[in-house]
Amino acid sequence: MKVGVVTFPGSLDDTDAQRAVRLGGNEAVALWHGDADLKGVDAVVLPGGFSYGDYLRCGAISRFAPVMTEVVEAARAGMPVLGICNGFQILCESHLLPGALIRNDHRKFVCRDQLLRIENTRTPWTSAYSEGQEIRIVLKNGEGGFVADAETLARIEGEGQVLARYLEVNPNGSMNDIAGITNERGNVVGLMPHPEHSVEELTGSGTDGLGFFTSLAAAALG
């Protein structure tokens, strides 16, 4: 699949995401925040970083970038979209995913290898995993606490939209230990930890994150 990786002013992990896309068996296509089209891609990754300096709220300015008009339209038409960390925040700000991400409950930036449990394998980003599988990937955030009102949280839980949960420790105060969610259709995924940093043994963080990108290649074949 041709996978577009968007670069916003302040993106830090766009190059890492492009490499992960390629290692997963897909073609990476660089997209710019000012692009008015998606260059014929089959899927989109919104990478981590500090888009627009995280002014106002994380992702609050990025949602108005020209490329996001196209991403929102494509996502609503069924295109697979993955938002990682800041990308997750942008998806929530764009109302493609419910809830919001707020400052970590301990008010400190956290960087660690984090154990997760995969809860939903019915998305184009997680089909390479098995339900309940435990993986360890990189986590780094200062505003990673997932929150939602009681009705929204109940709906997310009841409809199986929780993608992954934190194990061992909740690093940021996320409700119900939620590390990632999906929309009702299953094509849009937001994940606070960074699978793109856990795709090669060379980095010292293992390869548990590679499944997010091989899943997409498998979806294309299937």
N, C-alpha and C. Protein backbone atom coordinates (compact mmCIF):
# COMPACT_ATOMS: atom_id res chain seq x y z
N MET A 1 0.84 -1.20 0.00
CA MET A 1 0.00 0.00 0.00
C MET A 1 0.87 1.25 0.00
N LYS A 2 0.35 2.30 -0.61
CA LYS A 2 1.01 3.60 -0.54
C LYS A 2 0.51 4.30 0.72
N VAL A 3 1.42 4.58 1.64
CA VAL A 3 1.04 5.14 2.93
C VAL A 3 1.62 6.54 3.06
N GLY A 4 0.75 7.53 3.15
CA GLY A 4 1.19 8.89 3.33
C GLY A 4 1.53 9.18 4.78
N VAL A 5 2.67 9.82 5.01
CA VAL A 5 3.07 10.24 6.36
C VAL A 5 3.13 11.76 6.35
N VAL A 6 2.28 12.39 7.14
CA VAL A 6 2.16 13.85 7.12
C VAL A 6 3.22 14.49 8.01
N THR A 7 3.86 15.53 7.49
CA THR A 7 4.78 16.35 8.29
C THR A 7 4.12 17.68 8.58
N PHE A 8 3.95 17.98 9.86
CA PHE A 8 3.47 19.28 10.31
C PHE A 8 4.67 20.07 10.84
N PRO A 9 4.59 21.39 10.93
CA PRO A 9 5.65 22.13 11.62
C PRO A 9 5.76 21.64 13.07
N GLY A 10 6.90 21.07 13.43
CA GLY A 10 7.08 20.53 14.77
C GLY A 10 6.99 19.03 14.86
N SER A 11 6.66 18.35 13.74
CA SER A 11 6.68 16.88 13.75
C SER A 11 8.10 16.39 14.01
N LEU A 12 8.22 15.36 14.83
CA LEU A 12 9.55 14.82 15.17
C LEU A 12 9.76 13.41 14.62
N ASP A 13 8.68 12.67 14.45
CA ASP A 13 8.81 11.24 14.18
C ASP A 13 8.32 10.85 12.79
N ASP A 14 8.26 11.81 11.88
CA ASP A 14 7.77 11.53 10.54
C ASP A 14 8.73 10.61 9.78
N THR A 15 10.05 10.87 9.90
CA THR A 15 11.02 10.02 9.22
C THR A 15 11.01 8.61 9.78
N ASP A 16 10.87 8.48 11.10
CA ASP A 16 10.79 7.17 11.74
C ASP A 16 9.55 6.42 11.23
N ALA A 17 8.44 7.14 11.12
CA ALA A 17 7.21 6.51 10.65
C ALA A 17 7.35 6.05 9.20
N GLN A 18 8.01 6.85 8.38
CA GLN A 18 8.23 6.44 6.99
C GLN A 18 9.05 5.16 6.92
N ARG A 19 10.08 5.08 7.76
CA ARG A 19 10.91 3.87 7.77
C ARG A 19 10.10 2.65 8.23
N ALA A 20 9.28 2.83 9.26
CA ALA A 20 8.45 1.74 9.75
C ALA A 20 7.48 1.27 8.68
N VAL A 21 6.92 2.22 7.94
CA VAL A 21 6.02 1.88 6.84
C VAL A 21 6.73 0.99 5.83
N ARG A 22 7.96 1.35 5.48
CA ARG A 22 8.72 0.56 4.50
C ARG A 22 9.09 -0.81 5.05
N LEU A 23 9.50 -0.87 6.31
CA LEU A 23 9.85 -2.15 6.92
C LEU A 23 8.63 -3.07 7.01
N GLY A 24 7.45 -2.46 7.07
CA GLY A 24 6.22 -3.24 7.13
C GLY A 24 5.75 -3.73 5.77
N GLY A 25 6.51 -3.41 4.73
CA GLY A 25 6.16 -3.91 3.40
C GLY A 25 5.32 -2.97 2.57
N ASN A 26 5.29 -1.69 2.95
CA ASN A 26 4.49 -0.71 2.22
C ASN A 26 5.39 0.37 1.62
N GLU A 27 4.80 1.21 0.79
CA GLU A 27 5.51 2.33 0.19
C GLU A 27 5.18 3.60 0.95
N ALA A 28 6.20 4.30 1.44
CA ALA A 28 5.99 5.53 2.20
C ALA A 28 5.95 6.73 1.25
N VAL A 29 4.98 7.59 1.44
CA VAL A 29 4.83 8.80 0.65
C VAL A 29 4.82 10.00 1.59
N ALA A 30 5.74 10.93 1.41
CA ALA A 30 5.81 12.12 2.26
C ALA A 30 4.69 13.09 1.90
N LEU A 31 3.91 13.49 2.90
CA LEU A 31 2.87 14.49 2.72
C LEU A 31 3.19 15.71 3.57
N TRP A 32 2.89 16.88 3.09
CA TRP A 32 3.16 18.14 3.78
C TRP A 32 1.86 18.72 4.32
N HIS A 33 1.93 19.38 5.45
CA HIS A 33 0.72 19.90 6.09
C HIS A 33 -0.06 20.85 5.18
N GLY A 34 0.62 21.49 4.23
CA GLY A 34 -0.04 22.42 3.33
C GLY A 34 -0.55 21.80 2.05
N ASP A 35 -0.37 20.49 1.90
CA ASP A 35 -0.84 19.81 0.69
C ASP A 35 -2.36 19.87 0.59
N ALA A 36 -2.84 20.07 -0.63
CA ALA A 36 -4.29 20.11 -0.85
C ALA A 36 -4.83 18.78 -1.35
N ASP A 37 -3.94 17.78 -1.50
CA ASP A 37 -4.40 16.45 -1.87
C ASP A 37 -3.50 15.41 -1.22
N LEU A 38 -3.91 14.16 -1.26
CA LEU A 38 -3.20 13.07 -0.58
C LEU A 38 -2.33 12.25 -1.53
N LYS A 39 -2.14 12.72 -2.74
CA LYS A 39 -1.21 12.10 -3.70
C LYS A 39 -1.53 10.63 -3.98
N GLY A 40 -2.79 10.29 -3.94
CA GLY A 40 -3.20 8.94 -4.30
C GLY A 40 -2.83 7.86 -3.31
N VAL A 41 -2.60 8.20 -2.04
CA VAL A 41 -2.21 7.19 -1.05
C VAL A 41 -3.41 6.34 -0.66
N ASP A 42 -3.11 5.16 -0.11
CA ASP A 42 -4.14 4.22 0.33
C ASP A 42 -4.40 4.29 1.83
N ALA A 43 -3.49 4.93 2.57
CA ALA A 43 -3.61 5.05 4.01
C ALA A 43 -2.77 6.24 4.45
N VAL A 44 -3.00 6.71 5.67
CA VAL A 44 -2.29 7.88 6.18
C VAL A 44 -1.82 7.64 7.61
N VAL A 45 -0.61 8.11 7.91
CA VAL A 45 -0.09 8.12 9.27
C VAL A 45 0.13 9.56 9.69
N LEU A 46 -0.42 9.94 10.83
CA LEU A 46 -0.14 11.23 11.46
C LEU A 46 0.87 10.97 12.57
N PRO A 47 2.11 11.43 12.41
CA PRO A 47 3.18 11.04 13.33
C PRO A 47 3.22 11.86 14.62
N GLY A 48 4.13 11.45 15.50
CA GLY A 48 4.29 12.14 16.76
C GLY A 48 5.15 13.38 16.64
N GLY A 49 5.17 14.15 17.71
CA GLY A 49 5.94 15.39 17.75
C GLY A 49 5.19 16.47 18.50
N PHE A 50 5.45 17.69 18.12
CA PHE A 50 4.85 18.85 18.79
C PHE A 50 4.36 19.81 17.70
N SER A 51 3.34 19.38 16.96
CA SER A 51 2.88 20.16 15.82
C SER A 51 2.47 21.57 16.25
N TYR A 52 2.99 22.53 15.51
CA TYR A 52 2.74 23.94 15.81
C TYR A 52 3.08 24.29 17.26
N GLY A 53 4.10 23.60 17.79
CA GLY A 53 4.57 23.89 19.14
C GLY A 53 3.60 23.51 20.24
N ASP A 54 2.54 22.77 19.91
CA ASP A 54 1.50 22.43 20.89
C ASP A 54 0.85 23.67 21.51
N TYR A 55 0.85 24.78 20.75
CA TYR A 55 0.18 25.98 21.25
C TYR A 55 -1.33 25.75 21.28
N LEU A 56 -2.02 26.48 22.10
CA LEU A 56 -3.44 26.30 22.40
C LEU A 56 -3.63 24.95 23.09
N ARG A 57 -3.85 23.88 22.34
CA ARG A 57 -3.86 22.51 22.85
C ARG A 57 -3.12 21.66 21.84
N CYS A 58 -2.63 20.52 22.29
CA CYS A 58 -1.93 19.62 21.37
C CYS A 58 -2.85 19.22 20.22
N GLY A 59 -2.42 19.48 19.00
CA GLY A 59 -3.20 19.11 17.83
C GLY A 59 -4.29 20.09 17.45
N ALA A 60 -4.52 21.12 18.27
CA ALA A 60 -5.64 22.02 18.02
C ALA A 60 -5.44 22.89 16.79
N ILE A 61 -4.21 23.22 16.46
CA ILE A 61 -3.95 24.01 15.26
C ILE A 61 -3.84 23.10 14.04
N SER A 62 -3.22 21.94 14.22
CA SER A 62 -3.03 21.01 13.10
C SER A 62 -4.34 20.60 12.45
N ARG A 63 -5.39 20.53 13.23
CA ARG A 63 -6.67 20.09 12.67
C ARG A 63 -7.14 21.01 11.55
N PHE A 64 -6.61 22.25 11.51
CA PHE A 64 -7.00 23.21 10.48
C PHE A 64 -6.03 23.24 9.30
N ALA A 65 -4.98 22.41 9.33
CA ALA A 65 -4.05 22.35 8.21
C ALA A 65 -4.78 21.88 6.95
N PRO A 66 -4.42 22.42 5.77
CA PRO A 66 -5.10 22.02 4.53
C PRO A 66 -5.16 20.51 4.32
N VAL A 67 -4.07 19.80 4.65
CA VAL A 67 -4.05 18.37 4.41
C VAL A 67 -5.11 17.65 5.25
N MET A 68 -5.45 18.21 6.41
CA MET A 68 -6.41 17.53 7.27
C MET A 68 -7.82 17.55 6.70
N THR A 69 -8.13 18.54 5.87
CA THR A 69 -9.43 18.52 5.19
C THR A 69 -9.56 17.26 4.35
N GLU A 70 -8.46 16.92 3.67
CA GLU A 70 -8.44 15.72 2.84
C GLU A 70 -8.42 14.45 3.68
N VAL A 71 -7.66 14.47 4.78
CA VAL A 71 -7.57 13.29 5.65
C VAL A 71 -8.94 12.98 6.27
N VAL A 72 -9.61 14.01 6.75
CA VAL A 72 -10.92 13.80 7.37
C VAL A 72 -11.91 13.22 6.36
N GLU A 73 -11.92 13.78 5.16
CA GLU A 73 -12.84 13.28 4.12
C GLU A 73 -12.52 11.83 3.76
N ALA A 74 -11.22 11.53 3.61
CA ALA A 74 -10.82 10.16 3.24
C ALA A 74 -11.13 9.18 4.37
N ALA A 75 -10.89 9.59 5.61
CA ALA A 75 -11.16 8.72 6.75
C ALA A 75 -12.65 8.40 6.84
N ARG A 76 -13.47 9.39 6.61
CA ARG A 76 -14.92 9.16 6.68
C ARG A 76 -15.40 8.28 5.54
N ALA A 77 -14.58 8.19 4.48
CA ALA A 77 -14.91 7.31 3.36
C ALA A 77 -14.33 5.91 3.55
N GLY A 78 -13.58 5.72 4.65
CA GLY A 78 -13.07 4.38 4.96
C GLY A 78 -11.57 4.19 4.86
N MET A 79 -10.81 5.22 4.50
CA MET A 79 -9.36 5.07 4.39
C MET A 79 -8.75 4.79 5.76
N PRO A 80 -7.80 3.83 5.86
CA PRO A 80 -7.11 3.60 7.13
C PRO A 80 -6.25 4.80 7.52
N VAL A 81 -6.40 5.25 8.75
CA VAL A 81 -5.63 6.38 9.28
C VAL A 81 -5.11 5.99 10.66
N LEU A 82 -3.82 6.20 10.88
CA LEU A 82 -3.19 5.93 12.17
C LEU A 82 -2.60 7.22 12.71
N GLY A 83 -3.02 7.61 13.90
CA GLY A 83 -2.44 8.76 14.58
C GLY A 83 -1.63 8.29 15.77
N ILE A 84 -0.34 8.64 15.78
CA ILE A 84 0.56 8.22 16.85
C ILE A 84 0.91 9.41 17.72
N CYS A 85 0.65 9.31 19.02
CA CYS A 85 0.97 10.35 20.00
C CYS A 85 0.34 11.68 19.58
N ASN A 86 1.12 12.64 19.09
CA ASN A 86 0.55 13.90 18.63
C ASN A 86 -0.50 13.66 17.55
N GLY A 87 -0.28 12.64 16.73
CA GLY A 87 -1.26 12.28 15.71
C GLY A 87 -2.58 11.84 16.32
N PHE A 88 -2.53 11.14 17.45
CA PHE A 88 -3.72 10.74 18.20
C PHE A 88 -4.45 11.99 18.66
N GLN A 89 -3.70 12.95 19.18
CA GLN A 89 -4.29 14.21 19.63
C GLN A 89 -4.98 14.94 18.48
N ILE A 90 -4.34 14.93 17.32
CA ILE A 90 -4.92 15.59 16.14
C ILE A 90 -6.21 14.90 15.72
N LEU A 91 -6.25 13.58 15.78
CA LEU A 91 -7.47 12.84 15.42
C LEU A 91 -8.62 13.19 16.36
N CYS A 92 -8.33 13.34 17.63
CA CYS A 92 -9.37 13.73 18.59
C CYS A 92 -9.83 15.16 18.34
N GLU A 93 -8.88 16.07 18.08
CA GLU A 93 -9.23 17.45 17.80
C GLU A 93 -10.04 17.57 16.51
N SER A 94 -9.80 16.66 15.56
CA SER A 94 -10.52 16.67 14.29
C SER A 94 -11.85 15.93 14.38
N HIS A 95 -12.18 15.38 15.55
CA HIS A 95 -13.42 14.65 15.80
C HIS A 95 -13.53 13.37 14.96
N LEU A 96 -12.38 12.84 14.55
CA LEU A 96 -12.39 11.52 13.93
C LEU A 96 -12.37 10.43 15.00
N LEU A 97 -11.92 10.78 16.19
CA LEU A 97 -11.96 9.88 17.35
C LEU A 97 -12.58 10.61 18.53
N PRO A 98 -13.28 9.89 19.40
CA PRO A 98 -13.89 10.51 20.57
C PRO A 98 -12.88 10.77 21.68
N GLY A 99 -13.27 11.58 22.65
CA GLY A 99 -12.42 11.84 23.79
C GLY A 99 -11.37 12.89 23.52
N ALA A 100 -10.42 12.99 24.46
CA ALA A 100 -9.35 13.99 24.36
C ALA A 100 -8.13 13.50 25.12
N LEU A 101 -6.99 14.12 24.85
CA LEU A 101 -5.75 13.82 25.56
C LEU A 101 -5.34 15.03 26.37
N ILE A 102 -5.08 14.83 27.65
CA ILE A 102 -4.71 15.94 28.53
C ILE A 102 -3.36 15.68 29.19
N ARG A 103 -2.89 16.68 29.92
CA ARG A 103 -1.58 16.59 30.55
C ARG A 103 -1.51 15.40 31.49
N ASN A 104 -0.35 14.72 31.51
CA ASN A 104 -0.15 13.57 32.38
C ASN A 104 -0.49 13.92 33.82
N ASP A 105 -1.09 12.98 34.52
CA ASP A 105 -1.57 13.26 35.88
C ASP A 105 -0.45 13.64 36.84
N HIS A 106 0.79 13.17 36.56
CA HIS A 106 1.91 13.52 37.44
C HIS A 106 2.64 14.77 36.96
N ARG A 107 2.14 15.39 35.89
CA ARG A 107 2.64 16.66 35.37
C ARG A 107 4.08 16.59 34.88
N LYS A 108 4.52 15.41 34.48
CA LYS A 108 5.89 15.26 33.98
C LYS A 108 5.88 14.52 32.66
N PHE A 109 6.85 14.82 31.82
CA PHE A 109 7.04 14.08 30.58
C PHE A 109 7.54 12.68 30.94
N VAL A 110 7.03 11.68 30.24
CA VAL A 110 7.43 10.29 30.52
C VAL A 110 8.02 9.68 29.25
N CYS A 111 9.11 8.93 29.41
CA CYS A 111 9.73 8.23 28.29
C CYS A 111 10.18 6.87 28.81
N ARG A 112 9.59 5.80 28.24
CA ARG A 112 9.87 4.46 28.74
C ARG A 112 9.45 3.42 27.71
N ASP A 113 9.93 2.21 27.87
CA ASP A 113 9.39 1.08 27.11
C ASP A 113 8.17 0.59 27.87
N GLN A 114 7.02 0.63 27.23
CA GLN A 114 5.75 0.41 27.91
C GLN A 114 5.09 -0.89 27.47
N LEU A 115 4.64 -1.68 28.44
CA LEU A 115 3.91 -2.90 28.15
C LEU A 115 2.44 -2.56 27.87
N LEU A 116 1.92 -3.14 26.78
CA LEU A 116 0.53 -2.94 26.39
C LEU A 116 -0.16 -4.28 26.17
N ARG A 117 -1.48 -4.27 26.24
CA ARG A 117 -2.26 -5.42 25.83
C ARG A 117 -3.14 -5.00 24.66
N ILE A 118 -3.02 -5.72 23.55
CA ILE A 118 -3.85 -5.44 22.38
C ILE A 118 -5.26 -5.97 22.63
N GLU A 119 -6.24 -5.09 22.54
CA GLU A 119 -7.62 -5.46 22.84
C GLU A 119 -8.46 -5.67 21.57
N ASN A 120 -8.09 -5.01 20.48
CA ASN A 120 -8.89 -5.05 19.26
C ASN A 120 -7.97 -5.36 18.08
N THR A 121 -8.21 -6.49 17.43
CA THR A 121 -7.41 -6.88 16.26
C THR A 121 -8.22 -6.79 14.97
N ARG A 122 -9.35 -6.13 15.03
CA ARG A 122 -10.24 -6.05 13.87
C ARG A 122 -10.05 -4.75 13.10
N THR A 123 -8.88 -4.18 13.17
CA THR A 123 -8.59 -2.97 12.42
C THR A 123 -7.48 -3.27 11.40
N PRO A 124 -7.34 -2.45 10.36
CA PRO A 124 -6.27 -2.68 9.40
C PRO A 124 -4.88 -2.42 9.96
N TRP A 125 -4.83 -1.88 11.19
CA TRP A 125 -3.54 -1.59 11.81
C TRP A 125 -3.13 -2.63 12.86
N THR A 126 -4.03 -3.54 13.23
CA THR A 126 -3.73 -4.47 14.33
C THR A 126 -4.01 -5.93 14.01
N SER A 127 -4.34 -6.24 12.78
CA SER A 127 -4.73 -7.62 12.44
C SER A 127 -3.57 -8.61 12.58
N ALA A 128 -2.34 -8.12 12.60
CA ALA A 128 -1.18 -9.01 12.74
C ALA A 128 -1.00 -9.51 14.17
N TYR A 129 -1.72 -8.91 15.10
CA TYR A 129 -1.64 -9.32 16.51
C TYR A 129 -2.79 -10.27 16.85
N SER A 130 -2.69 -10.89 17.99
CA SER A 130 -3.80 -11.70 18.50
C SER A 130 -4.44 -10.95 19.66
N GLU A 131 -5.74 -11.13 19.83
CA GLU A 131 -6.45 -10.44 20.90
C GLU A 131 -5.88 -10.86 22.25
N GLY A 132 -5.57 -9.89 23.07
CA GLY A 132 -4.98 -10.16 24.38
C GLY A 132 -3.47 -10.25 24.34
N GLN A 133 -2.85 -10.14 23.17
CA GLN A 133 -1.39 -10.22 23.06
C GLN A 133 -0.74 -9.05 23.78
N GLU A 134 0.32 -9.34 24.50
CA GLU A 134 1.06 -8.31 25.21
C GLU A 134 2.30 -7.93 24.41
N ILE A 135 2.47 -6.63 24.20
CA ILE A 135 3.62 -6.14 23.46
C ILE A 135 4.27 -5.01 24.24
N ARG A 136 5.54 -4.77 23.97
CA ARG A 136 6.25 -3.68 24.64
C ARG A 136 6.81 -2.74 23.57
N ILE A 137 6.37 -1.49 23.60
CA ILE A 137 6.85 -0.50 22.65
C ILE A 137 7.17 0.81 23.37
N VAL A 138 7.80 1.70 22.65
CA VAL A 138 8.24 2.97 23.23
C VAL A 138 7.05 3.88 23.53
N LEU A 139 7.12 4.56 24.66
CA LEU A 139 6.13 5.58 25.03
C LEU A 139 6.89 6.85 25.39
N LYS A 140 6.43 8.00 24.90
CA LYS A 140 7.05 9.28 25.27
C LYS A 140 6.00 10.37 25.08
N ASN A 141 5.55 10.94 26.19
CA ASN A 141 4.55 12.00 26.09
C ASN A 141 4.48 12.83 27.36
N GLY A 142 3.96 14.03 27.20
CA GLY A 142 3.70 14.91 28.33
C GLY A 142 2.22 15.16 28.51
N GLU A 143 1.45 14.94 27.44
CA GLU A 143 0.00 15.13 27.49
C GLU A 143 -0.66 13.91 26.86
N GLY A 144 -0.55 12.79 27.58
CA GLY A 144 -1.02 11.53 27.04
C GLY A 144 -2.19 10.91 27.77
N GLY A 145 -2.77 11.64 28.71
CA GLY A 145 -3.86 11.09 29.49
C GLY A 145 -5.18 11.13 28.72
N PHE A 146 -5.71 9.94 28.37
CA PHE A 146 -6.96 9.88 27.63
C PHE A 146 -8.13 10.09 28.58
N VAL A 147 -9.03 11.01 28.20
CA VAL A 147 -10.23 11.29 29.01
C VAL A 147 -11.45 11.36 28.11
N ALA A 148 -12.60 11.06 28.68
CA ALA A 148 -13.87 11.18 27.98
C ALA A 148 -14.97 11.26 29.04
N ASP A 149 -16.12 11.81 28.67
CA ASP A 149 -17.22 11.84 29.63
C ASP A 149 -17.75 10.42 29.82
N ALA A 150 -18.53 10.24 30.86
CA ALA A 150 -18.97 8.89 31.26
C ALA A 150 -19.72 8.18 30.14
N GLU A 151 -20.57 8.89 29.43
CA GLU A 151 -21.36 8.28 28.35
C GLU A 151 -20.45 7.83 27.21
N THR A 152 -19.50 8.69 26.84
CA THR A 152 -18.58 8.35 25.75
C THR A 152 -17.69 7.18 26.14
N LEU A 153 -17.20 7.20 27.37
CA LEU A 153 -16.33 6.12 27.83
C LEU A 153 -17.08 4.78 27.84
N ALA A 154 -18.31 4.80 28.29
CA ALA A 154 -19.12 3.58 28.30
C ALA A 154 -19.35 3.06 26.88
N ARG A 155 -19.55 3.98 25.95
CA ARG A 155 -19.77 3.56 24.56
C ARG A 155 -18.50 2.97 23.96
N ILE A 156 -17.36 3.60 24.22
CA ILE A 156 -16.08 3.09 23.72
C ILE A 156 -15.84 1.68 24.24
N GLU A 157 -16.08 1.49 25.52
CA GLU A 157 -15.88 0.17 26.12
C GLU A 157 -16.90 -0.84 25.60
N GLY A 158 -18.14 -0.43 25.55
CA GLY A 158 -19.20 -1.35 25.17
C GLY A 158 -19.14 -1.79 23.72
N GLU A 159 -18.62 -0.94 22.85
CA GLU A 159 -18.57 -1.26 21.42
C GLU A 159 -17.21 -1.76 20.97
N GLY A 160 -16.34 -2.05 21.94
CA GLY A 160 -15.04 -2.63 21.60
C GLY A 160 -14.09 -1.70 20.89
N GLN A 161 -14.19 -0.40 21.18
CA GLN A 161 -13.33 0.56 20.51
C GLN A 161 -12.00 0.80 21.21
N VAL A 162 -11.79 0.15 22.35
CA VAL A 162 -10.47 0.24 22.99
C VAL A 162 -9.51 -0.63 22.20
N LEU A 163 -8.46 -0.04 21.72
CA LEU A 163 -7.48 -0.74 20.89
C LEU A 163 -6.40 -1.41 21.73
N ALA A 164 -5.93 -0.70 22.75
CA ALA A 164 -4.84 -1.22 23.59
C ALA A 164 -4.91 -0.57 24.97
N ARG A 165 -4.44 -1.32 25.98
CA ARG A 165 -4.41 -0.80 27.35
C ARG A 165 -2.99 -0.90 27.91
N TYR A 166 -2.70 0.01 28.82
CA TYR A 166 -1.43 -0.04 29.53
C TYR A 166 -1.44 -1.17 30.56
N LEU A 167 -0.32 -1.87 30.66
CA LEU A 167 -0.12 -2.89 31.68
C LEU A 167 1.05 -2.49 32.57
N GLU A 168 1.14 -3.10 33.71
CA GLU A 168 2.19 -2.87 34.72
C GLU A 168 2.01 -1.53 35.41
N VAL A 169 1.92 -0.45 34.62
CA VAL A 169 1.75 0.87 35.19
C VAL A 169 0.97 1.73 34.20
N ASN A 170 0.13 2.59 34.74
CA ASN A 170 -0.55 3.59 33.91
C ASN A 170 0.35 4.83 33.92
N PRO A 171 1.01 5.15 32.79
CA PRO A 171 2.06 6.16 32.81
C PRO A 171 1.58 7.61 32.78
N ASN A 172 0.27 7.82 32.53
CA ASN A 172 -0.18 9.19 32.35
C ASN A 172 -1.56 9.49 32.92
N GLY A 173 -2.17 8.52 33.58
CA GLY A 173 -3.49 8.73 34.17
C GLY A 173 -4.65 8.52 33.23
N SER A 174 -4.43 7.88 32.09
CA SER A 174 -5.51 7.62 31.14
C SER A 174 -6.64 6.84 31.79
N MET A 175 -7.86 7.25 31.51
CA MET A 175 -9.02 6.53 32.02
C MET A 175 -9.01 5.09 31.54
N ASN A 176 -9.35 4.18 32.45
CA ASN A 176 -9.44 2.75 32.14
C ASN A 176 -8.15 2.19 31.52
N ASP A 177 -7.03 2.84 31.82
CA ASP A 177 -5.71 2.40 31.30
C ASP A 177 -5.67 2.39 29.78
N ILE A 178 -6.45 3.24 29.14
CA ILE A 178 -6.54 3.23 27.67
C ILE A 178 -5.29 3.84 27.04
N ALA A 179 -4.65 3.07 26.16
CA ALA A 179 -3.47 3.53 25.42
C ALA A 179 -3.80 3.89 23.99
N GLY A 180 -4.91 3.36 23.47
CA GLY A 180 -5.30 3.63 22.10
C GLY A 180 -6.74 3.23 21.86
N ILE A 181 -7.36 3.89 20.90
CA ILE A 181 -8.76 3.60 20.57
C ILE A 181 -8.93 3.59 19.05
N THR A 182 -10.10 3.16 18.62
CA THR A 182 -10.47 3.18 17.21
C THR A 182 -11.85 3.79 17.07
N ASN A 183 -12.18 4.23 15.87
CA ASN A 183 -13.54 4.70 15.64
C ASN A 183 -14.47 3.50 15.48
N GLU A 184 -15.76 3.77 15.34
CA GLU A 184 -16.73 2.69 15.26
C GLU A 184 -16.49 1.81 14.03
N ARG A 185 -16.08 2.41 12.95
CA ARG A 185 -15.86 1.67 11.71
C ARG A 185 -14.58 0.83 11.75
N GLY A 186 -13.62 1.25 12.57
CA GLY A 186 -12.39 0.49 12.74
C GLY A 186 -11.25 0.91 11.84
N ASN A 187 -11.46 1.88 10.98
CA ASN A 187 -10.38 2.28 10.06
C ASN A 187 -9.48 3.37 10.62
N VAL A 188 -9.97 4.12 11.60
CA VAL A 188 -9.19 5.20 12.21
C VAL A 188 -8.73 4.77 13.60
N VAL A 189 -7.42 4.83 13.81
CA VAL A 189 -6.81 4.36 15.06
C VAL A 189 -5.93 5.46 15.64
N GLY A 190 -6.05 5.66 16.94
CA GLY A 190 -5.16 6.56 17.66
C GLY A 190 -4.44 5.79 18.75
N LEU A 191 -3.13 5.98 18.84
CA LEU A 191 -2.30 5.26 19.81
C LEU A 191 -1.31 6.22 20.42
N MET A 192 -1.26 6.29 21.75
CA MET A 192 -0.32 7.19 22.39
C MET A 192 1.12 6.67 22.35
N PRO A 193 1.41 5.41 22.62
CA PRO A 193 2.78 4.92 22.45
C PRO A 193 3.21 4.90 20.99
N HIS A 194 4.50 4.67 20.75
CA HIS A 194 5.11 4.82 19.43
C HIS A 194 5.54 3.48 18.84
N PRO A 195 4.70 2.82 18.06
CA PRO A 195 5.13 1.55 17.44
C PRO A 195 6.28 1.73 16.45
N GLU A 196 6.38 2.91 15.83
CA GLU A 196 7.42 3.13 14.83
C GLU A 196 8.83 3.14 15.43
N HIS A 197 8.92 3.28 16.75
CA HIS A 197 10.22 3.24 17.41
C HIS A 197 10.59 1.84 17.89
N SER A 198 9.72 0.89 17.63
CA SER A 198 9.96 -0.49 18.07
C SER A 198 9.77 -1.44 16.89
N VAL A 199 10.57 -1.21 15.85
CA VAL A 199 10.46 -2.03 14.64
C VAL A 199 11.78 -2.68 14.24
N GLU A 200 12.87 -2.38 14.96
CA GLU A 200 14.19 -2.93 14.64
C GLU A 200 14.94 -3.25 15.91
N GLU A 201 15.59 -4.39 15.96
CA GLU A 201 16.38 -4.76 17.14
C GLU A 201 17.50 -3.77 17.39
N LEU A 202 18.00 -3.13 16.33
CA LEU A 202 19.12 -2.20 16.45
C LEU A 202 18.84 -1.08 17.43
N THR A 203 17.59 -0.68 17.56
CA THR A 203 17.27 0.46 18.43
C THR A 203 17.25 0.08 19.91
N GLY A 204 17.22 -1.22 20.20
CA GLY A 204 17.18 -1.67 21.59
C GLY A 204 15.79 -1.72 22.18
N SER A 205 14.78 -1.42 21.38
CA SER A 205 13.41 -1.43 21.89
C SER A 205 12.58 -2.55 21.27
N GLY A 206 13.24 -3.52 20.67
CA GLY A 206 12.54 -4.68 20.13
C GLY A 206 11.78 -4.37 18.85
N THR A 207 10.97 -5.32 18.44
CA THR A 207 10.23 -5.20 17.18
C THR A 207 8.73 -5.37 17.36
N ASP A 208 8.24 -5.22 18.57
CA ASP A 208 6.83 -5.46 18.83
C ASP A 208 5.91 -4.49 18.11
N GLY A 209 6.43 -3.34 17.70
CA GLY A 209 5.60 -2.36 17.03
C GLY A 209 5.41 -2.61 15.54
N LEU A 210 6.19 -3.50 14.98
CA LEU A 210 6.17 -3.71 13.54
C LEU A 210 4.81 -4.21 13.05
N GLY A 211 4.09 -4.92 13.90
CA GLY A 211 2.79 -5.46 13.52
C GLY A 211 1.80 -4.42 13.06
N PHE A 212 1.92 -3.20 13.55
CA PHE A 212 1.01 -2.14 13.11
C PHE A 212 1.18 -1.87 11.62
N PHE A 213 2.37 -2.09 11.12
CA PHE A 213 2.66 -1.76 9.72
C PHE A 213 2.56 -2.99 8.81
N THR A 214 2.89 -4.17 9.33
CA THR A 214 2.67 -5.39 8.54
C THR A 214 1.18 -5.69 8.44
N SER A 215 0.41 -5.30 9.44
CA SER A 215 -1.05 -5.47 9.38
C SER A 215 -1.61 -4.77 8.16
N LEU A 216 -1.11 -3.57 7.89
CA LEU A 216 -1.61 -2.80 6.78
C LEU A 216 -1.28 -3.45 5.45
N ALA A 217 -0.06 -3.99 5.33
CA ALA A 217 0.34 -4.69 4.11
C ALA A 217 -0.53 -5.94 3.90
N ALA A 218 -0.83 -6.64 4.99
CA ALA A 218 -1.67 -7.83 4.91
C ALA A 218 -3.09 -7.48 4.50
N ALA A 219 -3.57 -6.31 4.96
CA ALA A 219 -4.91 -5.87 4.60
C ALA A 219 -5.01 -5.61 3.10
N ALA A 220 -3.92 -5.10 2.53
CA ALA A 220 -3.90 -4.83 1.09
C ALA A 220 -3.98 -6.13 0.30
N LEU A 221 -3.29 -7.15 0.78
CA LEU A 221 -3.29 -8.45 0.09
C LEU A 221 -4.62 -9.17 0.25
N GLY A 222 -5.24 -8.94 1.43
CA GLY A 222 -6.50 -9.63 1.70
C GLY A 222 -7.68 -8.99 1.04
